[in-house]
Amino acid sequence: MVLSPSSRPKLASKARLRWDKREEKYFLLYPERGLLLNATAAHIVQLCTGEHTVDGIVGQLLAKYPSQAREEIEREVWGFLDQIQSRGLLEAEG
């Protein structure tokens, strides 16, 4: 599956976003593994519900981080989505 700006990504059923009280950070958990997420990555995963398009996710992050350039946010969103998609942790419609 190739993501496009109009794709609506959502986490694969084997992946779960969990808050770790000890670390005070989010982890993306999947069978026998886990990824520690920074604040931006956690926000992206929270928006991967199948309701938001990739462009919509970029727009939400632009609103949250107005001092960041659109190109930088787009690069982060696309890079992160590609990373979790390559691990089989992302599905998308559209």
PDB file of N, CA and C in Angstrom:
ATOM      1  N   MET A   1       0.846  -1.176   0.000  1.00  0.00           N
ATOM      2  CA  MET A   1       0.000   0.000   0.000  1.00  0.00           C
ATOM      3  C   MET A   1       0.894   1.243   0.000  1.00  0.00           C
ATOM      4  N   VAL A   2       0.597   2.141  -0.885  1.00  0.00           N
ATOM      5  CA  VAL A   2       1.336   3.397  -0.973  1.00  0.00           C
ATOM      6  C   VAL A   2       0.461   4.497  -0.378  1.00  0.00           C
ATOM      7  N   LEU A   3       1.018   5.228   0.557  1.00  0.00           N
ATOM      8  CA  LEU A   3       0.286   6.338   1.172  1.00  0.00           C
ATOM      9  C   LEU A   3       0.260   7.531   0.241  1.00  0.00           C
ATOM     10  N   SER A   4      -0.848   8.232   0.263  1.00  0.00           N
ATOM     11  CA  SER A   4      -0.983   9.482  -0.483  1.00  0.00           C
ATOM     12  C   SER A   4      -1.508  10.534   0.485  1.00  0.00           C
ATOM     13  N   PRO A   5      -1.499  11.805   0.088  1.00  0.00           N
ATOM     14  CA  PRO A   5      -2.016  12.845   0.987  1.00  0.00           C
ATOM     15  C   PRO A   5      -3.472  12.619   1.406  1.00  0.00           C
ATOM     16  N   SER A   6      -4.253  11.896   0.582  1.00  0.00           N
ATOM     17  CA  SER A   6      -5.654  11.667   0.921  1.00  0.00           C
ATOM     18  C   SER A   6      -5.887  10.337   1.636  1.00  0.00           C
ATOM     19  N   SER A   7      -4.816   9.559   1.868  1.00  0.00           N
ATOM     20  CA  SER A   7      -4.947   8.303   2.619  1.00  0.00           C
ATOM     21  C   SER A   7      -5.386   8.605   4.046  1.00  0.00           C
ATOM     22  N   ARG A   8      -6.127   7.670   4.605  1.00  0.00           N
ATOM     23  CA  ARG A   8      -6.587   7.782   5.992  1.00  0.00           C
ATOM     24  C   ARG A   8      -5.927   6.666   6.810  1.00  0.00           C
ATOM     25  N   PRO A   9      -4.725   6.955   7.362  1.00  0.00           N
ATOM     26  CA  PRO A   9      -3.992   5.903   8.079  1.00  0.00           C
ATOM     27  C   PRO A   9      -4.603   5.570   9.439  1.00  0.00           C
ATOM     28  N   LYS A  10      -4.463   4.307   9.796  1.00  0.00           N
ATOM     29  CA  LYS A  10      -4.842   3.870  11.143  1.00  0.00           C
ATOM     30  C   LYS A  10      -3.872   2.773  11.555  1.00  0.00           C
ATOM     31  N   LEU A  11      -3.733   2.601  12.859  1.00  0.00           N
ATOM     32  CA  LEU A  11      -2.837   1.572  13.363  1.00  0.00           C
ATOM     33  C   LEU A  11      -3.365   0.197  12.990  1.00  0.00           C
ATOM     34  N   ALA A  12      -2.448  -0.708  12.693  1.00  0.00           N
ATOM     35  CA  ALA A  12      -2.812  -2.093  12.452  1.00  0.00           C
ATOM     36  C   ALA A  12      -3.352  -2.684  13.749  1.00  0.00           C
ATOM     37  N   SER A  13      -4.151  -3.714  13.637  1.00  0.00           N
ATOM     38  CA  SER A  13      -4.771  -4.295  14.830  1.00  0.00           C
ATOM     39  C   SER A  13      -3.743  -4.855  15.814  1.00  0.00           C
ATOM     40  N   LYS A  14      -2.556  -5.198  15.343  1.00  0.00           N
ATOM     41  CA  LYS A  14      -1.533  -5.738  16.246  1.00  0.00           C
ATOM     42  C   LYS A  14      -0.769  -4.657  17.016  1.00  0.00           C
ATOM     43  N   ALA A  15      -1.001  -3.391  16.723  1.00  0.00           N
ATOM     44  CA  ALA A  15      -0.269  -2.285  17.356  1.00  0.00           C
ATOM     45  C   ALA A  15      -1.156  -1.567  18.362  1.00  0.00           C
ATOM     46  N   ARG A  16      -0.545  -1.151  19.458  1.00  0.00           N
ATOM     47  CA  ARG A  16      -1.259  -0.423  20.514  1.00  0.00           C
ATOM     48  C   ARG A  16      -0.408   0.743  21.000  1.00  0.00           C
ATOM     49  N   LEU A  17      -1.055   1.873  21.210  1.00  0.00           N
ATOM     50  CA  LEU A  17      -0.394   3.035  21.804  1.00  0.00           C
ATOM     51  C   LEU A  17      -0.628   2.970  23.310  1.00  0.00           C
ATOM     52  N   ARG A  18       0.454   3.007  24.071  1.00  0.00           N
ATOM     53  CA  ARG A  18       0.355   2.920  25.532  1.00  0.00           C
ATOM     54  C   ARG A  18       1.194   4.002  26.195  1.00  0.00           C
ATOM     55  N   TRP A  19       0.644   4.569  27.276  1.00  0.00           N
ATOM     56  CA  TRP A  19       1.346   5.554  28.092  1.00  0.00           C
ATOM     57  C   TRP A  19       2.110   4.805  29.173  1.00  0.00           C
ATOM     58  N   ASP A  20       3.384   5.076  29.306  1.00  0.00           N
ATOM     59  CA  ASP A  20       4.203   4.462  30.337  1.00  0.00           C
ATOM     60  C   ASP A  20       4.362   5.464  31.474  1.00  0.00           C
ATOM     61  N   LYS A  21       3.793   5.142  32.627  1.00  0.00           N
ATOM     62  CA  LYS A  21       3.829   6.061  33.769  1.00  0.00           C
ATOM     63  C   LYS A  21       5.250   6.291  34.264  1.00  0.00           C
ATOM     64  N   ARG A  22       6.052   5.236  34.259  1.00  0.00           N
ATOM     65  CA  ARG A  22       7.423   5.356  34.769  1.00  0.00           C
ATOM     66  C   ARG A  22       8.260   6.262  33.875  1.00  0.00           C
ATOM     67  N   GLU A  23       8.190   6.049  32.578  1.00  0.00           N
ATOM     68  CA  GLU A  23       8.965   6.848  31.622  1.00  0.00           C
ATOM     69  C   GLU A  23       8.293   8.185  31.313  1.00  0.00           C
ATOM     70  N   GLU A  24       6.988   8.256  31.585  1.00  0.00           N
ATOM     71  CA  GLU A  24       6.168   9.415  31.238  1.00  0.00           C
ATOM     72  C   GLU A  24       6.258   9.726  29.751  1.00  0.00           C
ATOM     73  N   LYS A  25       6.156   8.677  28.950  1.00  0.00           N
ATOM     74  CA  LYS A  25       6.183   8.784  27.491  1.00  0.00           C
ATOM     75  C   LYS A  25       5.274   7.718  26.907  1.00  0.00           C
ATOM     76  N   TYR A  26       4.937   7.931  25.640  1.00  0.00           N
ATOM     77  CA  TYR A  26       4.145   6.939  24.920  1.00  0.00           C
ATOM     78  C   TYR A  26       5.050   5.906  24.272  1.00  0.00           C
ATOM     79  N   PHE A  27       4.536   4.677  24.220  1.00  0.00           N
ATOM     80  CA  PHE A  27       5.169   3.588  23.494  1.00  0.00           C
ATOM     81  C   PHE A  27       4.181   3.065  22.472  1.00  0.00           C
ATOM     82  N   LEU A  28       4.684   2.706  21.318  1.00  0.00           N
ATOM     83  CA  LEU A  28       3.887   2.002  20.327  1.00  0.00           C
ATOM     84  C   LEU A  28       4.282   0.539  20.465  1.00  0.00           C
ATOM     85  N   LEU A  29       3.363  -0.272  20.981  1.00  0.00           N
ATOM     86  CA  LEU A  29       3.644  -1.673  21.263  1.00  0.00           C
ATOM     87  C   LEU A  29       3.087  -2.555  20.159  1.00  0.00           C
ATOM     88  N   TYR A  30       3.838  -3.572  19.826  1.00  0.00           N
ATOM     89  CA  TYR A  30       3.403  -4.588  18.872  1.00  0.00           C
ATOM     90  C   TYR A  30       4.091  -5.883  19.256  1.00  0.00           C
ATOM     91  N   PRO A  31       3.657  -7.018  18.715  1.00  0.00           N
ATOM     92  CA  PRO A  31       4.137  -8.310  19.211  1.00  0.00           C
ATOM     93  C   PRO A  31       5.651  -8.368  19.438  1.00  0.00           C
ATOM     94  N   GLU A  32       5.999  -8.585  20.712  1.00  0.00           N
ATOM     95  CA  GLU A  32       7.372  -8.763  21.159  1.00  0.00           C
ATOM     96  C   GLU A  32       8.296  -7.568  20.934  1.00  0.00           C
ATOM     97  N   ARG A  33       7.729  -6.409  20.681  1.00  0.00           N
ATOM     98  CA  ARG A  33       8.551  -5.218  20.441  1.00  0.00           C
ATOM     99  C   ARG A  33       7.797  -3.981  20.908  1.00  0.00           C
ATOM    100  N   GLY A  34       8.519  -2.871  20.872  1.00  0.00           N
ATOM    101  CA  GLY A  34       7.913  -1.592  21.193  1.00  0.00           C
ATOM    102  C   GLY A  34       8.809  -0.453  20.752  1.00  0.00           C
ATOM    103  N   LEU A  35       8.197   0.669  20.433  1.00  0.00           N
ATOM    104  CA  LEU A  35       8.920   1.877  20.052  1.00  0.00           C
ATOM    105  C   LEU A  35       8.616   2.972  21.062  1.00  0.00           C
ATOM    106  N   LEU A  36       9.645   3.576  21.609  1.00  0.00           N
ATOM    107  CA  LEU A  36       9.473   4.748  22.460  1.00  0.00           C
ATOM    108  C   LEU A  36       9.236   5.932  21.543  1.00  0.00           C
ATOM    109  N   LEU A  37       8.171   6.676  21.778  1.00  0.00           N
ATOM    110  CA  LEU A  37       7.794   7.775  20.890  1.00  0.00           C
ATOM    111  C   LEU A  37       8.089   9.126  21.518  1.00  0.00           C
ATOM    112  N   ASN A  38       8.593  10.054  20.693  1.00  0.00           N
ATOM    113  CA  ASN A  38       8.701  11.430  21.162  1.00  0.00           C
ATOM    114  C   ASN A  38       7.309  12.060  21.061  1.00  0.00           C
ATOM    115  N   ALA A  39       7.171  13.287  21.517  1.00  0.00           N
ATOM    116  CA  ALA A  39       5.857  13.929  21.573  1.00  0.00           C
ATOM    117  C   ALA A  39       5.210  14.046  20.189  1.00  0.00           C
ATOM    118  N   THR A  40       5.987  14.389  19.182  1.00  0.00           N
ATOM    119  CA  THR A  40       5.442  14.539  17.831  1.00  0.00           C
ATOM    120  C   THR A  40       4.972  13.197  17.290  1.00  0.00           C
ATOM    121  N   ALA A  41       5.781  12.164  17.450  1.00  0.00           N
ATOM    122  CA  ALA A  41       5.394  10.834  16.969  1.00  0.00           C
ATOM    123  C   ALA A  41       4.135  10.344  17.682  1.00  0.00           C
ATOM    124  N   ALA A  42       4.046  10.572  18.988  1.00  0.00           N
ATOM    125  CA  ALA A  42       2.858  10.170  19.745  1.00  0.00           C
ATOM    126  C   ALA A  42       1.620  10.894  19.225  1.00  0.00           C
ATOM    127  N   HIS A  43       1.764  12.176  18.917  1.00  0.00           N
ATOM    128  CA  HIS A  43       0.632  12.938  18.386  1.00  0.00           C
ATOM    129  C   HIS A  43       0.207  12.383  17.027  1.00  0.00           C
ATOM    130  N   ILE A  44       1.159  12.039  16.181  1.00  0.00           N
ATOM    131  CA  ILE A  44       0.842  11.454  14.877  1.00  0.00           C
ATOM    132  C   ILE A  44       0.069  10.154  15.073  1.00  0.00           C
ATOM    133  N   VAL A  45       0.563   9.276  15.948  1.00  0.00           N
ATOM    134  CA  VAL A  45      -0.114   7.991  16.182  1.00  0.00           C
ATOM    135  C   VAL A  45      -1.522   8.217  16.719  1.00  0.00           C
ATOM    136  N   GLN A  46      -1.693   9.186  17.608  1.00  0.00           N
ATOM    137  CA  GLN A  46      -3.027   9.476  18.145  1.00  0.00           C
ATOM    138  C   GLN A  46      -3.996   9.897  17.046  1.00  0.00           C
ATOM    139  N   LEU A  47      -3.479  10.479  15.972  1.00  0.00           N
ATOM    140  CA  LEU A  47      -4.329  10.913  14.862  1.00  0.00           C
ATOM    141  C   LEU A  47      -4.538   9.820  13.818  1.00  0.00           C
ATOM    142  N   CYS A  48      -3.834   8.708  13.950  1.00  0.00           N
ATOM    143  CA  CYS A  48      -3.971   7.593  13.002  1.00  0.00           C
ATOM    144  C   CYS A  48      -5.149   6.716  13.412  1.00  0.00           C
ATOM    145  N   THR A  49      -6.338   7.264  13.227  1.00  0.00           N
ATOM    146  CA  THR A  49      -7.570   6.578  13.616  1.00  0.00           C
ATOM    147  C   THR A  49      -8.380   6.126  12.414  1.00  0.00           C
ATOM    148  N   GLY A  50      -7.929   6.478  11.218  1.00  0.00           N
ATOM    149  CA  GLY A  50      -8.708   6.209  10.021  1.00  0.00           C
ATOM    150  C   GLY A  50      -9.666   7.332   9.685  1.00  0.00           C
ATOM    151  N   GLU A  51      -9.754   8.329  10.571  1.00  0.00           N
ATOM    152  CA  GLU A  51     -10.642   9.470  10.351  1.00  0.00           C
ATOM    153  C   GLU A  51      -9.938  10.626   9.647  1.00  0.00           C
ATOM    154  N   HIS A  52      -8.631  10.768   9.879  1.00  0.00           N
ATOM    155  CA  HIS A  52      -7.865  11.895   9.350  1.00  0.00           C
ATOM    156  C   HIS A  52      -7.054  11.462   8.136  1.00  0.00           C
ATOM    157  N   THR A  53      -6.985  12.333   7.140  1.00  0.00           N
ATOM    158  CA  THR A  53      -6.088  12.082   6.017  1.00  0.00           C
ATOM    159  C   THR A  53      -4.665  12.446   6.446  1.00  0.00           C
ATOM    160  N   VAL A  54      -3.694  12.033   5.643  1.00  0.00           N
ATOM    161  CA  VAL A  54      -2.310  12.417   5.932  1.00  0.00           C
ATOM    162  C   VAL A  54      -2.206  13.939   5.910  1.00  0.00           C
ATOM    163  N   ASP A  55      -2.836  14.584   4.923  1.00  0.00           N
ATOM    164  CA  ASP A  55      -2.837  16.057   4.891  1.00  0.00           C
ATOM    165  C   ASP A  55      -3.485  16.643   6.142  1.00  0.00           C
ATOM    166  N   GLY A  56      -4.541  16.015   6.633  1.00  0.00           N
ATOM    167  CA  GLY A  56      -5.199  16.477   7.854  1.00  0.00           C
ATOM    168  C   GLY A  56      -4.295  16.354   9.067  1.00  0.00           C
ATOM    169  N   ILE A  57      -3.519  15.281   9.119  1.00  0.00           N
ATOM    170  CA  ILE A  57      -2.565  15.095  10.218  1.00  0.00           C
ATOM    171  C   ILE A  57      -1.508  16.195  10.175  1.00  0.00           C
ATOM    172  N   VAL A  58      -1.018  16.489   8.978  1.00  0.00           N
ATOM    173  CA  VAL A  58      -0.045  17.581   8.821  1.00  0.00           C
ATOM    174  C   VAL A  58      -0.660  18.885   9.302  1.00  0.00           C
ATOM    175  N   GLY A  59      -1.901  19.149   8.909  1.00  0.00           N
ATOM    176  CA  GLY A  59      -2.585  20.372   9.317  1.00  0.00           C
ATOM    177  C   GLY A  59      -2.747  20.479  10.824  1.00  0.00           C
ATOM    178  N   GLN A  60      -3.082  19.372  11.476  1.00  0.00           N
ATOM    179  CA  GLN A  60      -3.233  19.386  12.935  1.00  0.00           C
ATOM    180  C   GLN A  60      -1.894  19.680  13.616  1.00  0.00           C
ATOM    181  N   LEU A  61      -0.824  19.099  13.089  1.00  0.00           N
ATOM    182  CA  LEU A  61       0.487  19.364  13.674  1.00  0.00           C
ATOM    183  C   LEU A  61       0.940  20.799  13.420  1.00  0.00           C
ATOM    184  N   LEU A  62       0.590  21.349  12.265  1.00  0.00           N
ATOM    185  CA  LEU A  62       0.895  22.760  11.993  1.00  0.00           C
ATOM    186  C   LEU A  62       0.211  23.657  13.013  1.00  0.00           C
ATOM    187  N   ALA A  63      -1.030  23.329  13.350  1.00  0.00           N
ATOM    188  CA  ALA A  63      -1.757  24.124  14.342  1.00  0.00           C
ATOM    189  C   ALA A  63      -1.126  23.977  15.729  1.00  0.00           C
ATOM    190  N   LYS A  64      -0.635  22.777  16.040  1.00  0.00           N
ATOM    191  CA  LYS A  64      -0.034  22.538  17.354  1.00  0.00           C
ATOM    192  C   LYS A  64       1.366  23.147  17.462  1.00  0.00           C
ATOM    193  N   TYR A  65       2.104  23.151  16.356  1.00  0.00           N
ATOM    194  CA  TYR A  65       3.479  23.665  16.343  1.00  0.00           C
ATOM    195  C   TYR A  65       3.603  24.777  15.286  1.00  0.00           C
ATOM    196  N   PRO A  66       2.982  25.936  15.526  1.00  0.00           N
ATOM    197  CA  PRO A  66       2.948  26.990  14.511  1.00  0.00           C
ATOM    198  C   PRO A  66       4.312  27.583  14.152  1.00  0.00           C
ATOM    199  N   SER A  67       5.297  27.405  14.997  1.00  0.00           N
ATOM    200  CA  SER A  67       6.612  27.963  14.681  1.00  0.00           C
ATOM    201  C   SER A  67       7.404  27.082  13.716  1.00  0.00           C
ATOM    202  N   GLN A  68       6.913  25.869  13.465  1.00  0.00           N
ATOM    203  CA  GLN A  68       7.604  24.944  12.563  1.00  0.00           C
ATOM    204  C   GLN A  68       7.164  25.183  11.122  1.00  0.00           C
ATOM    205  N   ALA A  69       8.096  25.024  10.196  1.00  0.00           N
ATOM    206  CA  ALA A  69       7.781  25.173   8.773  1.00  0.00           C
ATOM    207  C   ALA A  69       6.957  23.978   8.302  1.00  0.00           C
ATOM    208  N   ARG A  70       6.021  24.237   7.409  1.00  0.00           N
ATOM    209  CA  ARG A  70       5.170  23.172   6.876  1.00  0.00           C
ATOM    210  C   ARG A  70       6.013  22.039   6.295  1.00  0.00           C
ATOM    211  N   GLU A  71       7.065  22.383   5.555  1.00  0.00           N
ATOM    212  CA  GLU A  71       7.897  21.368   4.917  1.00  0.00           C
ATOM    213  C   GLU A  71       8.537  20.451   5.959  1.00  0.00           C
ATOM    214  N   GLU A  72       8.945  21.012   7.073  1.00  0.00           N
ATOM    215  CA  GLU A  72       9.566  20.220   8.134  1.00  0.00           C
ATOM    216  C   GLU A  72       8.556  19.255   8.751  1.00  0.00           C
ATOM    217  N   ILE A  73       7.358  19.759   9.017  1.00  0.00           N
ATOM    218  CA  ILE A  73       6.314  18.907   9.581  1.00  0.00           C
ATOM    219  C   ILE A  73       5.920  17.825   8.586  1.00  0.00           C
ATOM    220  N   GLU A  74       5.754  18.185   7.322  1.00  0.00           N
ATOM    221  CA  GLU A  74       5.427  17.173   6.311  1.00  0.00           C
ATOM    222  C   GLU A  74       6.498  16.088   6.262  1.00  0.00           C
ATOM    223  N   ARG A  75       7.747  16.486   6.308  1.00  0.00           N
ATOM    224  CA  ARG A  75       8.853  15.531   6.258  1.00  0.00           C
ATOM    225  C   ARG A  75       8.798  14.585   7.467  1.00  0.00           C
ATOM    226  N   GLU A  76       8.528  15.139   8.651  1.00  0.00           N
ATOM    227  CA  GLU A  76       8.431  14.310   9.858  1.00  0.00           C
ATOM    228  C   GLU A  76       7.253  13.343   9.781  1.00  0.00           C
ATOM    229  N   VAL A  77       6.095  13.837   9.369  1.00  0.00           N
ATOM    230  CA  VAL A  77       4.902  12.990   9.283  1.00  0.00           C
ATOM    231  C   VAL A  77       5.124  11.868   8.283  1.00  0.00           C
ATOM    232  N   TRP A  78       5.547  12.210   7.072  1.00  0.00           N
ATOM    233  CA  TRP A  78       5.758  11.186   6.049  1.00  0.00           C
ATOM    234  C   TRP A  78       6.842  10.192   6.464  1.00  0.00           C
ATOM    235  N   GLY A  79       7.923  10.682   7.032  1.00  0.00           N
ATOM    236  CA  GLY A  79       8.998   9.795   7.464  1.00  0.00           C
ATOM    237  C   GLY A  79       8.546   8.825   8.539  1.00  0.00           C
ATOM    238  N   PHE A  80       7.802   9.331   9.523  1.00  0.00           N
ATOM    239  CA  PHE A  80       7.332   8.470  10.595  1.00  0.00           C
ATOM    240  C   PHE A  80       6.306   7.465  10.084  1.00  0.00           C
ATOM    241  N   LEU A  81       5.360   7.929   9.261  1.00  0.00           N
ATOM    242  CA  LEU A  81       4.363   7.005   8.719  1.00  0.00           C
ATOM    243  C   LEU A  81       5.026   5.922   7.875  1.00  0.00           C
ATOM    244  N   ASP A  82       6.022   6.288   7.078  1.00  0.00           N
ATOM    245  CA  ASP A  82       6.757   5.290   6.290  1.00  0.00           C
ATOM    246  C   ASP A  82       7.434   4.280   7.213  1.00  0.00           C
ATOM    247  N   GLN A  83       8.013   4.762   8.305  1.00  0.00           N
ATOM    248  CA  GLN A  83       8.718   3.882   9.242  1.00  0.00           C
ATOM    249  C   GLN A  83       7.772   2.861   9.861  1.00  0.00           C
ATOM    250  N   ILE A  84       6.632   3.320  10.364  1.00  0.00           N
ATOM    251  CA  ILE A  84       5.741   2.356  11.014  1.00  0.00           C
ATOM    252  C   ILE A  84       5.018   1.491   9.985  1.00  0.00           C
ATOM    253  N   GLN A  85       4.804   2.023   8.791  1.00  0.00           N
ATOM    254  CA  GLN A  85       4.196   1.205   7.740  1.00  0.00           C
ATOM    255  C   GLN A  85       5.149   0.070   7.337  1.00  0.00           C
ATOM    256  N   SER A  86       6.436   0.354   7.249  1.00  0.00           N
ATOM    257  CA  SER A  86       7.407  -0.671   6.865  1.00  0.00           C
ATOM    258  C   SER A  86       7.493  -1.785   7.915  1.00  0.00           C
ATOM    259  N   ARG A  87       7.058  -1.516   9.140  1.00  0.00           N
ATOM    260  CA  ARG A  87       7.032  -2.528  10.199  1.00  0.00           C
ATOM    261  C   ARG A  87       5.680  -3.242  10.274  1.00  0.00           C
ATOM    262  N   GLY A  88       4.792  -2.905   9.353  1.00  0.00           N
ATOM    263  CA  GLY A  88       3.473  -3.536   9.336  1.00  0.00           C
ATOM    264  C   GLY A  88       2.538  -3.031  10.406  1.00  0.00           C
ATOM    265  N   LEU A  89       2.773  -1.809  10.897  1.00  0.00           N
ATOM    266  CA  LEU A  89       1.992  -1.271  11.991  1.00  0.00           C
ATOM    267  C   LEU A  89       0.945  -0.257  11.542  1.00  0.00           C
ATOM    268  N   LEU A  90       0.783  -0.098  10.239  1.00  0.00           N
ATOM    269  CA  LEU A  90      -0.111   0.926   9.715  1.00  0.00           C
ATOM    270  C   LEU A  90      -0.934   0.352   8.573  1.00  0.00           C
ATOM    271  N   GLU A  91      -2.206   0.683   8.590  1.00  0.00           N
ATOM    272  CA  GLU A  91      -3.116   0.375   7.490  1.00  0.00           C
ATOM    273  C   GLU A  91      -3.651   1.712   6.997  1.00  0.00           C
ATOM    274  N   ALA A  92      -4.165   1.745   5.788  1.00  0.00           N
ATOM    275  CA  ALA A  92      -4.716   3.003   5.279  1.00  0.00           C
ATOM    276  C   ALA A  92      -5.813   2.746   4.275  1.00  0.00           C
ATOM    277  N   GLU A  93      -6.771   3.647   4.269  1.00  0.00           N
ATOM    278  CA  GLU A  93      -7.823   3.629   3.270  1.00  0.00           C
ATOM    279  C   GLU A  93      -7.598   4.815   2.353  1.00  0.00           C
ATOM    280  N   GLY A  94      -7.881   4.611   1.090  1.00  0.00           N
ATOM    281  CA  GLY A  94      -7.790   5.710   0.135  1.00  0.00           C
ATOM    282  C   GLY A  94      -6.459   5.861  -0.534  1.00  0.00           C
TER     283      GLY A  94
END
